[in-house]
Amino acid sequence: MNDSSAATSILSILGLFLLWIVCAALTADATILPQPWTLIGPAAQQIRSGELLYHLGATLLRVIWAFALAMGIGIALGLAMGRSNQLNRWLDPWLVIFLNLPALVLIVLCYLWIGLNETAAIIAVTLNKIPNVATVIREGARALNPDLEAMARVYRMSWTARMRHVTLPQLAPFITAAARSGIAVIWKIVLVVEFLGRSNGVGFQIHLYFQLFDVTMVLIYALSFIAVMLAVEWLLLQPWERRIRRWRTA
């Protein structure tokens, strides 16, 4: 992120905090919407006790597992559907069904069928995201340049070499788009999974403090993970996107 983009992002976030301050002042009730600075003390106490870091870590681990599985399976499925019209005709109805199946339904069914455990939680999140990834990658596979594929065959490139040097570079923008939208959606679904059936994680803590009507602690845990996801976006996903798009401006 260059200096101009960083400054714009910081000013944008400051504007959001300013809006928060104004809304909190208008409500004039800390039990409804506390001022941002009143969160500092409770957040520091949660960090010192280790509670915040423990639950952040649990949620982040689930996000990583679900993200890796959803991206891996979704990329393979989307590429296969984009390259094979027959396979696409068979699987497209499945894709439409899962795209329109509410996340809550899949989560509840996984818990009922598998049990209230980590396996069910991660599978539920993964199944919710695979259709979105597959849809994006399928469009990328349909947009592959056939001339490059023909050239690879003429030079008798192996399947591995074709994937590395011909297919994946063309799919890179689509993979990036799927990853950026995926990370945003997955962590939200993970919170719902934790809210409904786990004994740790940010979602579990939000559920706990929701029952206690503690808006301050709900905001602390929600904002802490939003901060983590913003760091992932700015430090990993955006630099990766700029890297794979460099050839367009070269």
C-alpha atoms as a PDB file:
ATOM      1  CA  MET A   1       0.000   0.000   0.000  1.00  0.00           C
ATOM      2  CA  ASN A   2       1.541   3.345  -1.055  1.00  0.00           C
ATOM      3  CA  ASP A   3       1.540   6.444   1.148  1.00  0.00           C
ATOM      4  CA  SER A   4      -1.454   8.011  -0.612  1.00  0.00           C
ATOM      5  CA  SER A   5      -3.592   4.876  -0.285  1.00  0.00           C
ATOM      6  CA  ALA A   6      -2.564   4.429   3.336  1.00  0.00           C
ATOM      7  CA  ALA A   7      -3.458   8.024   4.169  1.00  0.00           C
ATOM      8  CA  THR A   8      -6.833   7.667   2.462  1.00  0.00           C
ATOM      9  CA  SER A   9      -7.596   4.456   4.358  1.00  0.00           C
ATOM     10  CA  ILE A  10      -6.612   6.025   7.681  1.00  0.00           C
ATOM     11  CA  LEU A  11      -8.753   9.100   7.033  1.00  0.00           C
ATOM     12  CA  SER A  12     -11.671   6.880   6.040  1.00  0.00           C
ATOM     13  CA  ILE A  13     -11.424   4.884   9.271  1.00  0.00           C
ATOM     14  CA  LEU A  14     -11.113   8.099  11.298  1.00  0.00           C
ATOM     15  CA  GLY A  15     -14.286   9.322   9.595  1.00  0.00           C
ATOM     16  CA  LEU A  16     -16.057   6.142  10.684  1.00  0.00           C
ATOM     17  CA  PHE A  17     -14.883   6.681  14.275  1.00  0.00           C
ATOM     18  CA  LEU A  18     -16.072  10.288  14.107  1.00  0.00           C
ATOM     19  CA  LEU A  19     -19.503   9.051  13.039  1.00  0.00           C
ATOM     20  CA  TRP A  20     -19.421   6.601  15.965  1.00  0.00           C
ATOM     21  CA  ILE A  21     -18.587   9.429  18.392  1.00  0.00           C
ATOM     22  CA  VAL A  22     -21.449  11.554  17.075  1.00  0.00           C
ATOM     23  CA  CYS A  23     -23.947   8.674  17.288  1.00  0.00           C
ATOM     24  CA  ALA A  24     -22.794   7.813  20.824  1.00  0.00           C
ATOM     25  CA  ALA A  25     -23.185  11.449  21.860  1.00  0.00           C
ATOM     26  CA  LEU A  26     -26.696  11.580  20.407  1.00  0.00           C
ATOM     27  CA  THR A  27     -27.802   8.416  22.207  1.00  0.00           C
ATOM     28  CA  ALA A  28     -26.112   9.626  25.435  1.00  0.00           C
ATOM     29  CA  ASP A  29     -26.395   6.097  26.846  1.00  0.00           C
ATOM     30  CA  ALA A  30     -23.274   3.946  27.238  1.00  0.00           C
ATOM     31  CA  THR A  31     -25.389   0.806  27.557  1.00  0.00           C
ATOM     32  CA  ILE A  32     -26.623   1.355  24.000  1.00  0.00           C
ATOM     33  CA  LEU A  33     -23.524   2.765  22.294  1.00  0.00           C
ATOM     34  CA  PRO A  34     -20.429   3.634  24.350  1.00  0.00           C
ATOM     35  CA  GLN A  35     -17.841   6.137  23.178  1.00  0.00           C
ATOM     36  CA  PRO A  36     -14.795   4.525  21.482  1.00  0.00           C
ATOM     37  CA  TRP A  37     -12.332   5.562  24.192  1.00  0.00           C
ATOM     38  CA  THR A  38     -14.370   3.824  26.897  1.00  0.00           C
ATOM     39  CA  LEU A  39     -13.460   0.498  25.264  1.00  0.00           C
ATOM     40  CA  ILE A  40      -9.727   0.949  25.889  1.00  0.00           C
ATOM     41  CA  GLY A  41      -9.740  -0.010  29.584  1.00  0.00           C
ATOM     42  CA  PRO A  42     -11.862  -3.193  29.258  1.00  0.00           C
ATOM     43  CA  ALA A  43      -9.931  -4.220  26.135  1.00  0.00           C
ATOM     44  CA  ALA A  44      -6.597  -3.810  27.931  1.00  0.00           C
ATOM     45  CA  GLN A  45      -7.893  -5.922  30.810  1.00  0.00           C
ATOM     46  CA  GLN A  46      -8.998  -8.663  28.394  1.00  0.00           C
ATOM     47  CA  ILE A  47      -5.552  -8.639  26.761  1.00  0.00           C
ATOM     48  CA  ARG A  48      -3.731  -8.807  30.106  1.00  0.00           C
ATOM     49  CA  SER A  49      -5.857 -11.728  31.255  1.00  0.00           C
ATOM     50  CA  GLY A  50      -5.194 -13.565  27.981  1.00  0.00           C
ATOM     51  CA  GLU A  51      -8.898 -14.008  27.265  1.00  0.00           C
ATOM     52  CA  LEU A  52      -8.978 -11.841  24.158  1.00  0.00           C
ATOM     53  CA  LEU A  53      -5.908 -13.419  22.560  1.00  0.00           C
ATOM     54  CA  TYR A  54      -7.114 -16.942  23.360  1.00  0.00           C
ATOM     55  CA  HIS A  55     -10.506 -16.464  21.731  1.00  0.00           C
ATOM     56  CA  LEU A  56      -9.021 -14.528  18.793  1.00  0.00           C
ATOM     57  CA  GLY A  57      -6.613 -17.392  18.198  1.00  0.00           C
ATOM     58  CA  ALA A  58      -9.394 -19.990  18.269  1.00  0.00           C
ATOM     59  CA  THR A  59     -11.448 -18.059  15.724  1.00  0.00           C
ATOM     60  CA  LEU A  60      -8.450 -17.326  13.506  1.00  0.00           C
ATOM     61  CA  LEU A  61      -7.523 -21.029  13.411  1.00  0.00           C
ATOM     62  CA  ARG A  62     -11.025 -21.943  12.256  1.00  0.00           C
ATOM     63  CA  VAL A  63     -10.915 -19.206   9.619  1.00  0.00           C
ATOM     64  CA  ILE A  64      -7.570 -20.467   8.292  1.00  0.00           C
ATOM     65  CA  TRP A  65      -8.767 -24.085   8.043  1.00  0.00           C
ATOM     66  CA  ALA A  66     -12.067 -23.186   6.391  1.00  0.00           C
ATOM     67  CA  PHE A  67     -10.417 -20.685   4.021  1.00  0.00           C
ATOM     68  CA  ALA A  68      -7.758 -23.170   2.891  1.00  0.00           C
ATOM     69  CA  LEU A  69     -10.280 -25.966   2.312  1.00  0.00           C
ATOM     70  CA  ALA A  70     -12.835 -23.740   0.574  1.00  0.00           C
ATOM     71  CA  MET A  71     -10.227 -22.178  -1.734  1.00  0.00           C
ATOM     72  CA  GLY A  72      -8.583 -25.495  -2.594  1.00  0.00           C
ATOM     73  CA  ILE A  73     -11.811 -27.374  -3.343  1.00  0.00           C
ATOM     74  CA  GLY A  74     -13.492 -24.355  -4.927  1.00  0.00           C
ATOM     75  CA  ILE A  75     -10.597 -23.666  -7.306  1.00  0.00           C
ATOM     76  CA  ALA A  76     -10.430 -27.310  -8.424  1.00  0.00           C
ATOM     77  CA  LEU A  77     -14.203 -27.523  -8.875  1.00  0.00           C
ATOM     78  CA  GLY A  78     -14.516 -24.169 -10.650  1.00  0.00           C
ATOM     79  CA  LEU A  79     -11.641 -24.961 -13.025  1.00  0.00           C
ATOM     80  CA  ALA A  80     -13.129 -28.342 -13.891  1.00  0.00           C
ATOM     81  CA  MET A  81     -16.595 -26.861 -14.497  1.00  0.00           C
ATOM     82  CA  GLY A  82     -15.181 -24.039 -16.597  1.00  0.00           C
ATOM     83  CA  ARG A  83     -13.202 -26.410 -18.805  1.00  0.00           C
ATOM     84  CA  SER A  84     -15.889 -29.090 -19.223  1.00  0.00           C
ATOM     85  CA  ASN A  85     -19.350 -28.141 -20.499  1.00  0.00           C
ATOM     86  CA  GLN A  86     -20.718 -31.581 -19.695  1.00  0.00           C
ATOM     87  CA  LEU A  87     -19.510 -31.461 -16.093  1.00  0.00           C
ATOM     88  CA  ASN A  88     -20.841 -27.919 -15.777  1.00  0.00           C
ATOM     89  CA  ARG A  89     -24.302 -29.032 -16.951  1.00  0.00           C
ATOM     90  CA  TRP A  90     -24.363 -31.741 -14.289  1.00  0.00           C
ATOM     91  CA  LEU A  91     -23.032 -29.685 -11.409  1.00  0.00           C
ATOM     92  CA  ASP A  92     -24.495 -26.243 -12.132  1.00  0.00           C
ATOM     93  CA  PRO A  93     -27.847 -27.091 -10.439  1.00  0.00           C
ATOM     94  CA  TRP A  94     -25.921 -28.213  -7.339  1.00  0.00           C
ATOM     95  CA  LEU A  95     -24.007 -24.940  -7.386  1.00  0.00           C
ATOM     96  CA  VAL A  96     -27.209 -22.902  -7.625  1.00  0.00           C
ATOM     97  CA  ILE A  97     -28.794 -24.846  -4.759  1.00  0.00           C
ATOM     98  CA  PHE A  98     -25.819 -24.392  -2.429  1.00  0.00           C
ATOM     99  CA  LEU A  99     -25.450 -20.731  -3.396  1.00  0.00           C
ATOM    100  CA  ASN A 100     -29.025 -20.106  -2.289  1.00  0.00           C
ATOM    101  CA  LEU A 101     -29.008 -22.373   0.762  1.00  0.00           C
ATOM    102  CA  PRO A 102     -28.876 -20.166   3.876  1.00  0.00           C
ATOM    103  CA  ALA A 103     -25.654 -20.447   5.861  1.00  0.00           C
ATOM    104  CA  LEU A 104     -27.642 -20.999   9.040  1.00  0.00           C
ATOM    105  CA  VAL A 105     -29.285 -24.115   7.585  1.00  0.00           C
ATOM    106  CA  LEU A 106     -25.948 -25.701   6.670  1.00  0.00           C
ATOM    107  CA  ILE A 107     -24.497 -24.874  10.076  1.00  0.00           C
ATOM    108  CA  VAL A 108     -27.442 -26.401  11.953  1.00  0.00           C
ATOM    109  CA  LEU A 109     -27.462 -29.518   9.752  1.00  0.00           C
ATOM    110  CA  CYS A 110     -23.714 -30.073  10.200  1.00  0.00           C
ATOM    111  CA  TYR A 111     -24.095 -29.802  13.966  1.00  0.00           C
ATOM    112  CA  LEU A 112     -27.050 -32.225  13.930  1.00  0.00           C
ATOM    113  CA  TRP A 113     -25.362 -34.749  11.646  1.00  0.00           C
ATOM    114  CA  ILE A 114     -21.754 -34.583  12.862  1.00  0.00           C
ATOM    115  CA  GLY A 115     -22.084 -33.194  16.388  1.00  0.00           C
ATOM    116  CA  LEU A 116     -21.070 -30.069  18.259  1.00  0.00           C
ATOM    117  CA  ASN A 117     -17.365 -30.364  17.461  1.00  0.00           C
ATOM    118  CA  GLU A 118     -14.580 -28.703  15.481  1.00  0.00           C
ATOM    119  CA  THR A 119     -15.052 -30.953  12.459  1.00  0.00           C
ATOM    120  CA  ALA A 120     -18.690 -29.910  12.072  1.00  0.00           C
ATOM    121  CA  ALA A 121     -17.829 -26.246  12.550  1.00  0.00           C
ATOM    122  CA  ILE A 122     -15.117 -26.206   9.888  1.00  0.00           C
ATOM    123  CA  ILE A 123     -17.126 -28.319   7.421  1.00  0.00           C
ATOM    124  CA  ALA A 124     -20.132 -26.015   7.808  1.00  0.00           C
ATOM    125  CA  VAL A 125     -18.071 -22.919   7.015  1.00  0.00           C
ATOM    126  CA  THR A 126     -16.256 -24.638   4.138  1.00  0.00           C
ATOM    127  CA  LEU A 127     -19.492 -25.828   2.497  1.00  0.00           C
ATOM    128  CA  ASN A 128     -20.889 -22.327   2.728  1.00  0.00           C
ATOM    129  CA  LYS A 129     -17.954 -20.826   0.848  1.00  0.00           C
ATOM    130  CA  ILE A 130     -17.077 -23.454  -1.783  1.00  0.00           C
ATOM    131  CA  PRO A 131     -19.946 -22.492  -4.167  1.00  0.00           C
ATOM    132  CA  ASN A 132     -18.868 -18.828  -4.216  1.00  0.00           C
ATOM    133  CA  VAL A 133     -15.251 -19.703  -4.968  1.00  0.00           C
ATOM    134  CA  ALA A 134     -16.253 -22.237  -7.635  1.00  0.00           C
ATOM    135  CA  THR A 135     -18.512 -19.701  -9.351  1.00  0.00           C
ATOM    136  CA  VAL A 136     -15.766 -17.076  -9.607  1.00  0.00           C
ATOM    137  CA  ILE A 137     -13.115 -19.554 -10.770  1.00  0.00           C
ATOM    138  CA  ARG A 138     -15.505 -21.097 -13.318  1.00  0.00           C
ATOM    139  CA  GLU A 139     -15.842 -17.698 -15.002  1.00  0.00           C
ATOM    140  CA  GLY A 140     -12.066 -17.348 -14.982  1.00  0.00           C
ATOM    141  CA  ALA A 141     -11.652 -20.791 -16.553  1.00  0.00           C
ATOM    142  CA  ARG A 142     -14.086 -19.843 -19.309  1.00  0.00           C
ATOM    143  CA  ALA A 143     -12.015 -16.728 -20.032  1.00  0.00           C
ATOM    144  CA  LEU A 144      -8.722 -18.617 -20.500  1.00  0.00           C
ATOM    145  CA  ASN A 145      -6.925 -17.814 -23.740  1.00  0.00           C
ATOM    146  CA  PRO A 146      -7.169 -20.902 -26.011  1.00  0.00           C
ATOM    147  CA  ASP A 147      -4.159 -19.756 -28.041  1.00  0.00           C
ATOM    148  CA  LEU A 148      -1.914 -20.032 -24.983  1.00  0.00           C
ATOM    149  CA  GLU A 149      -3.281 -23.497 -24.268  1.00  0.00           C
ATOM    150  CA  ALA A 150      -2.617 -24.539 -27.873  1.00  0.00           C
ATOM    151  CA  MET A 151       0.928 -23.197 -27.652  1.00  0.00           C
ATOM    152  CA  ALA A 152       1.541 -25.207 -24.481  1.00  0.00           C
ATOM    153  CA  ARG A 153       0.383 -28.372 -26.223  1.00  0.00           C
ATOM    154  CA  VAL A 154       2.554 -27.681 -29.271  1.00  0.00           C
ATOM    155  CA  TYR A 155       5.600 -27.404 -27.017  1.00  0.00           C
ATOM    156  CA  ARG A 156       4.464 -30.553 -25.197  1.00  0.00           C
ATOM    157  CA  MET A 157       4.461 -28.933 -21.800  1.00  0.00           C
ATOM    158  CA  SER A 158       3.558 -31.257 -18.954  1.00  0.00           C
ATOM    159  CA  TRP A 159       0.279 -30.807 -17.066  1.00  0.00           C
ATOM    160  CA  THR A 160       2.178 -29.351 -14.118  1.00  0.00           C
ATOM    161  CA  ALA A 161       4.051 -26.875 -16.325  1.00  0.00           C
ATOM    162  CA  ARG A 162       0.844 -25.813 -18.089  1.00  0.00           C
ATOM    163  CA  MET A 163      -0.891 -25.213 -14.776  1.00  0.00           C
ATOM    164  CA  ARG A 164       2.044 -23.221 -13.392  1.00  0.00           C
ATOM    165  CA  HIS A 165       2.948 -21.138 -16.443  1.00  0.00           C
ATOM    166  CA  VAL A 166      -0.275 -20.918 -18.485  1.00  0.00           C
ATOM    167  CA  THR A 167      -3.430 -21.594 -16.481  1.00  0.00           C
ATOM    168  CA  LEU A 168      -2.775 -20.235 -12.984  1.00  0.00           C
ATOM    169  CA  PRO A 169      -1.292 -16.885 -14.131  1.00  0.00           C
ATOM    170  CA  GLN A 170      -4.483 -16.239 -16.132  1.00  0.00           C
ATOM    171  CA  LEU A 171      -6.644 -17.321 -13.197  1.00  0.00           C
ATOM    172  CA  ALA A 172      -4.704 -15.227 -10.677  1.00  0.00           C
ATOM    173  CA  PRO A 173      -7.067 -12.186 -10.760  1.00  0.00           C
ATOM    174  CA  PHE A 174     -10.065 -14.469 -10.271  1.00  0.00           C
ATOM    175  CA  ILE A 175      -8.349 -16.358  -7.439  1.00  0.00           C
ATOM    176  CA  THR A 176      -7.533 -13.043  -5.780  1.00  0.00           C
ATOM    177  CA  ALA A 177     -11.144 -11.883  -6.091  1.00  0.00           C
ATOM    178  CA  ALA A 178     -12.390 -15.163  -4.616  1.00  0.00           C
ATOM    179  CA  ALA A 179      -9.853 -14.947  -1.795  1.00  0.00           C
ATOM    180  CA  ARG A 180     -10.691 -11.360  -0.867  1.00  0.00           C
ATOM    181  CA  SER A 181     -14.424 -11.963  -0.815  1.00  0.00           C
ATOM    182  CA  GLY A 182     -13.876 -15.343   0.808  1.00  0.00           C
ATOM    183  CA  ILE A 183     -11.931 -14.123   3.793  1.00  0.00           C
ATOM    184  CA  ALA A 184     -14.579 -11.480   4.466  1.00  0.00           C
ATOM    185  CA  VAL A 185     -17.450 -13.954   4.306  1.00  0.00           C
ATOM    186  CA  ILE A 186     -15.759 -16.886   6.046  1.00  0.00           C
ATOM    187  CA  TRP A 187     -14.921 -15.103   9.282  1.00  0.00           C
ATOM    188  CA  LYS A 188     -18.498 -13.851   9.554  1.00  0.00           C
ATOM    189  CA  ILE A 189     -19.828 -17.393   9.132  1.00  0.00           C
ATOM    190  CA  VAL A 190     -17.259 -18.650  11.651  1.00  0.00           C
ATOM    191  CA  LEU A 191     -18.691 -16.232  14.213  1.00  0.00           C
ATOM    192  CA  VAL A 192     -22.177 -17.661  13.613  1.00  0.00           C
ATOM    193  CA  VAL A 193     -20.800 -21.204  13.984  1.00  0.00           C
ATOM    194  CA  GLU A 194     -19.173 -20.241  17.276  1.00  0.00           C
ATOM    195  CA  PHE A 195     -22.279 -18.386  18.410  1.00  0.00           C
ATOM    196  CA  LEU A 196     -24.409 -21.505  17.928  1.00  0.00           C
ATOM    197  CA  GLY A 197     -22.224 -24.365  19.029  1.00  0.00           C
ATOM    198  CA  ARG A 198     -18.658 -23.761  20.216  1.00  0.00           C
ATOM    199  CA  SER A 199     -17.225 -23.148  23.669  1.00  0.00           C
ATOM    200  CA  ASN A 200     -14.546 -20.660  22.600  1.00  0.00           C
ATOM    201  CA  GLY A 201     -13.834 -18.077  19.945  1.00  0.00           C
ATOM    202  CA  VAL A 202     -14.986 -14.539  19.243  1.00  0.00           C
ATOM    203  CA  GLY A 203     -18.501 -15.693  18.325  1.00  0.00           C
ATOM    204  CA  PHE A 204     -18.830 -17.572  21.606  1.00  0.00           C
ATOM    205  CA  GLN A 205     -17.745 -14.483  23.557  1.00  0.00           C
ATOM    206  CA  ILE A 206     -20.193 -12.283  21.651  1.00  0.00           C
ATOM    207  CA  HIS A 207     -22.946 -14.767  22.514  1.00  0.00           C
ATOM    208  CA  LEU A 208     -21.912 -14.686  26.169  1.00  0.00           C
ATOM    209  CA  TYR A 209     -21.921 -10.895  26.420  1.00  0.00           C
ATOM    210  CA  PHE A 210     -25.114 -10.668  24.372  1.00  0.00           C
ATOM    211  CA  GLN A 211     -26.801 -12.670  27.106  1.00  0.00           C
ATOM    212  CA  LEU A 212     -25.410 -10.196  29.639  1.00  0.00           C
ATOM    213  CA  PHE A 213     -26.503  -7.195  27.497  1.00  0.00           C
ATOM    214  CA  ASP A 214     -22.895  -5.930  27.620  1.00  0.00           C
ATOM    215  CA  VAL A 215     -22.542  -3.791  24.483  1.00  0.00           C
ATOM    216  CA  THR A 216     -19.007  -2.721  25.408  1.00  0.00           C
ATOM    217  CA  MET A 217     -17.618  -6.265  25.448  1.00  0.00           C
ATOM    218  CA  VAL A 218     -19.518  -7.220  22.295  1.00  0.00           C
ATOM    219  CA  LEU A 219     -17.894  -4.279  20.505  1.00  0.00           C
ATOM    220  CA  ILE A 220     -14.448  -5.118  21.888  1.00  0.00           C
ATOM    221  CA  TYR A 221     -14.504  -8.677  20.573  1.00  0.00           C
ATOM    222  CA  ALA A 222     -16.097  -7.711  17.257  1.00  0.00           C
ATOM    223  CA  LEU A 223     -13.637  -4.874  16.611  1.00  0.00           C
ATOM    224  CA  SER A 224     -10.636  -6.974  17.636  1.00  0.00           C
ATOM    225  CA  PHE A 225     -11.287  -9.508  14.921  1.00  0.00           C
ATOM    226  CA  ILE A 226     -12.173  -6.834  12.386  1.00  0.00           C
ATOM    227  CA  ALA A 227      -8.718  -5.356  13.110  1.00  0.00           C
ATOM    228  CA  VAL A 228      -7.116  -8.753  12.446  1.00  0.00           C
ATOM    229  CA  MET A 229      -8.977  -9.115   9.143  1.00  0.00           C
ATOM    230  CA  LEU A 230      -8.009  -5.589   8.076  1.00  0.00           C
ATOM    231  CA  ALA A 231      -4.382  -6.461   8.772  1.00  0.00           C
ATOM    232  CA  VAL A 232      -4.703  -9.592   6.610  1.00  0.00           C
ATOM    233  CA  GLU A 233      -6.283  -7.524   3.833  1.00  0.00           C
ATOM    234  CA  TRP A 234      -3.673  -4.766   3.892  1.00  0.00           C
ATOM    235  CA  LEU A 235      -0.559  -6.832   4.608  1.00  0.00           C
ATOM    236  CA  LEU A 236      -1.272  -9.982   2.586  1.00  0.00           C
ATOM    237  CA  LEU A 237      -4.136  -9.811   0.084  1.00  0.00           C
ATOM    238  CA  GLN A 238      -3.633  -6.322  -1.344  1.00  0.00           C
ATOM    239  CA  PRO A 239       0.168  -6.714  -1.842  1.00  0.00           C
ATOM    240  CA  TRP A 240      -0.466 -10.081  -3.496  1.00  0.00           C
ATOM    241  CA  GLU A 241      -3.065  -8.542  -5.803  1.00  0.00           C
ATOM    242  CA  ARG A 242      -0.691  -5.726  -6.798  1.00  0.00           C
ATOM    243  CA  ARG A 243       2.052  -8.259  -7.458  1.00  0.00           C
ATOM    244  CA  ILE A 244       0.000 -10.406  -9.828  1.00  0.00           C
ATOM    245  CA  ARG A 245      -1.320  -7.334 -11.669  1.00  0.00           C
ATOM    246  CA  ARG A 246       2.102  -5.782 -12.279  1.00  0.00           C
ATOM    247  CA  TRP A 247       2.322  -7.212 -15.806  1.00  0.00           C
ATOM    248  CA  ARG A 248      -0.730  -5.160 -16.818  1.00  0.00           C
ATOM    249  CA  THR A 249       1.081  -1.874 -16.119  1.00  0.00           C
ATOM    250  CA  ALA A 250       4.551  -2.961 -17.171  1.00  0.00           C
END
